[in-house]
Each structure stands twice: as C-alpha cells, then as structure tokens.
C-alpha cells in the first residue's frame, strides 16, 4: 500500500496521521457486468486490429486492447478503485 493512500486527508488537504485508512475497493470486482462484456469484446477487437496493423501504432493498440480485455475478464478497474467508484453493485 502506498504512503499516500495510508492516511486520510482533511478538508484542507492535510493528512491526519492519527487515523490510517484502509482502502475498501482496492481489490475485487468493481466493474458492472455490462461494462465487463463491452471491455472484453472491445479489448479483443482493439488487440486484433493492432496485431494486423503492426508497427508501433499496432503495438499501442494491442496494449490498450489487452488492458481493456483484462479489465473485462477480472472485473477490476484500478481507476475506479482509486476514485472509489463501484458499478458492480
């Protein structure tokens, strides 16, 4: 766990070192089923296009597609976790 996430912030943006915070959504499923399906399908399509295209742009498309597919298969989005968003409820 990073130091920045270990302590809560006050309204003024100063860390309160007396009360550490345990992230509640740092792991586990936080992406809804519809988003998971769209991410998996969209990621597979992007990865396939990148594979056909080749070169640096193709590699970038494959990486983006892989990240989307991973999000869809695992149901976990790190950006959602950092923002406290959970669409799986």
Protein backbone atom coordinates (compact mmCIF):
# COMPACT_ATOMS: atom_id res chain seq x y z
CA UNK A 1 0.00 0.00 0.00
CA UNK A 2 1.40 3.38 -0.91
CA UNK A 3 2.06 6.01 1.72
CA UNK A 4 -0.35 8.46 0.10
CA UNK A 5 -3.26 6.04 0.48
CA UNK A 6 -2.32 5.05 4.04
CA UNK A 7 -3.62 8.22 5.66
CA UNK A 8 -6.86 10.16 5.21
CA UNK A 9 -6.94 13.75 4.04
CA UNK A 10 -8.65 16.50 5.99
CA UNK A 11 -10.83 19.08 4.27
CA UNK A 12 -7.79 21.33 3.98
CA UNK A 13 -5.83 18.56 2.21
CA UNK A 14 -3.54 17.80 5.15
CA UNK A 15 -3.02 14.19 6.17
CA UNK A 16 -4.33 13.17 9.54
CA UNK A 17 -1.66 10.71 10.68
CA UNK A 18 -3.66 9.56 13.71
CA UNK A 19 -6.32 7.71 11.68
CA UNK A 20 -5.00 5.46 8.91
CA UNK A 21 -7.47 4.48 6.20
CA UNK A 22 -7.87 1.00 4.80
CA UNK A 23 -8.92 1.15 1.14
CA UNK A 24 -12.22 -0.66 0.73
CA UNK A 25 -12.28 -1.09 -3.05
CA UNK A 26 -8.60 -1.62 -3.86
CA UNK A 27 -9.15 -5.23 -4.89
CA UNK A 28 -12.06 -7.25 -6.11
CA UNK A 29 -14.77 -6.73 -8.67
CA UNK A 30 -15.78 -3.09 -9.11
CA UNK A 31 -16.98 -3.13 -12.74
CA UNK A 32 -20.57 -3.99 -13.68
CA UNK A 33 -21.42 -6.91 -15.96
CA UNK A 34 -22.37 -4.76 -18.97
CA UNK A 35 -19.09 -2.83 -18.76
CA UNK A 36 -17.16 -6.06 -18.36
CA UNK A 37 -18.69 -7.51 -21.52
CA UNK A 38 -18.06 -4.31 -23.50
CA UNK A 39 -14.48 -4.10 -22.22
CA UNK A 40 -13.72 -7.71 -23.09
CA UNK A 41 -15.18 -7.51 -26.60
CA UNK A 42 -13.77 -4.05 -27.32
CA UNK A 43 -10.36 -5.03 -25.98
CA UNK A 44 -10.23 -8.15 -28.11
CA UNK A 45 -11.17 -6.14 -31.21
CA UNK A 46 -8.52 -3.48 -30.49
CA UNK A 47 -5.86 -6.13 -29.87
CA UNK A 48 -6.78 -7.87 -33.13
CA UNK A 49 -6.60 -4.61 -35.10
CA UNK A 50 -3.24 -3.87 -33.53
CA UNK A 51 -1.96 -7.31 -34.43
CA UNK A 52 -2.96 -6.85 -38.07
CA UNK A 53 -1.64 -3.28 -38.27
CA UNK A 54 1.79 -3.95 -36.78
CA UNK A 55 4.44 -1.37 -36.03
CA UNK A 56 4.45 0.97 -33.06
CA UNK A 57 0.82 2.03 -33.51
CA UNK A 58 -0.22 -1.62 -33.69
CA UNK A 59 1.70 -2.35 -30.51
CA UNK A 60 -0.05 0.52 -28.74
CA UNK A 61 -3.43 -0.75 -29.93
CA UNK A 62 -2.58 -4.25 -28.69
CA UNK A 63 -1.57 -2.87 -25.28
CA UNK A 64 -4.74 -0.81 -24.97
CA UNK A 65 -6.83 -3.78 -26.08
CA UNK A 66 -5.08 -6.05 -23.61
CA UNK A 67 -5.73 -3.61 -20.77
CA UNK A 68 -9.42 -3.40 -21.68
CA UNK A 69 -9.71 -7.17 -22.00
CA UNK A 70 -8.00 -7.63 -18.62
CA UNK A 71 -10.46 -5.16 -17.07
CA UNK A 72 -13.35 -7.09 -18.56
CA UNK A 73 -12.15 -10.54 -17.57
CA UNK A 74 -11.13 -9.68 -14.00
CA UNK A 75 -13.89 -7.14 -13.34
CA UNK A 76 -11.38 -4.86 -11.62
CA UNK A 77 -10.55 -1.30 -12.72
CA UNK A 78 -7.72 0.43 -10.88
CA UNK A 79 -9.02 3.88 -11.85
CA UNK A 80 -12.41 3.01 -10.37
CA UNK A 81 -10.71 1.72 -7.22
CA UNK A 82 -8.67 4.91 -6.82
CA UNK A 83 -11.80 7.03 -7.32
CA UNK A 84 -13.99 4.93 -5.04
CA UNK A 85 -16.33 4.02 -7.90
CA UNK A 86 -18.09 0.67 -7.94
CA UNK A 87 -20.53 -0.11 -10.76
CA UNK A 88 -20.80 -3.79 -9.85
CA UNK A 89 -23.39 -3.13 -7.14
